[in-house]
Amino acid sequence: MTQFFAPAAPVRFSDEEVDRYARQLVLSEIGGPGQQALKRARVLIVGLGGVGAPAALYLAAAGVGTLGLIDHDAVALSNLQRQIIFTTNDAERPKVAAGAAHLAALNPHVAVEPLVERLAPDNARALIERFDLVLDGTDDFETRFAVNAACVAAGKPLVSGALGRWNGQVGVFAGKPCYQCLVPETPPEAETCARVGVVGALAGVIGAMAALEAIKLITGAGRPLSGRLMLYDGLAGTSRTARITADPDCPVCGG
């Protein structure tokens, strides 16, 4: 078991919360201490899209105490095929406002902090320092690099999820190696879902995997994907895990 979060003062649960989290409380890997760690945790979800939307639902349902949602976009009808946190009536609403309302309806014990802005190199460090863990589901490398650099500088673990077409990946980065060891620079033929398409259910698979890794990190359960990348092929129904090597010349974590 890997413990990323130091023990803290116990928190109390209402009878309603005990009933709500009953299926997790009976798990020996979580139990009362793990559920308390979830309630104390502050998780920032960067991008409320294909990965971030299902991840947010599962983290709220699991009882994460505070969820920060940062996204500058509004809900579009083309999002609804995979971003299951939204409904048709949310079209044209800011994503984080609509998402916060649905998360509150799912679990009123979770505090949601909506941030209608773009995370960029000039604000990433200040935003990320307010949270314990970051889950990045964005699809542009500029944002991914900014998130990674800020997480390394602030000493915060990063769960990264990405997808396109029928394939997805999830990795955990905590210090070395970092995300930029895996992707040193923006690929010349970088793909986005808007450009190459994506099957909607794949977003649920990868978003749920990312949420599961966040829960493991917070509770200390099992073995997180630290320094490893899980690659999922939806068409073949197969997955494999590759080890990530730290780059000694990485401009973010090297040296």
Foldseek 3Di string as FASTA:
>chain_A
DDAPDDQDDFDDDDPVVCVLQVVVLPDPLQHRRLLRLQLPFEEEEEDLALQNQLLLLVSLSNRRAEYEYEEQDFDDPVRVQANVLDDPVRGRPRPLVSNQVSSCVNHVNHHYHYHNDHDALVCQLVVPLVGQAYEYEDQDVRSVVSNQLSCLVNQHKYWYKYDEAQKIKIAIEGQPPTVCLVVVDDDPPRDDCVRHNYRNVVSNVRNVLSSVLVSCNSSVGDDHRYQKMWMAGRVVRDIDIDGGHHDLPRPRRHD
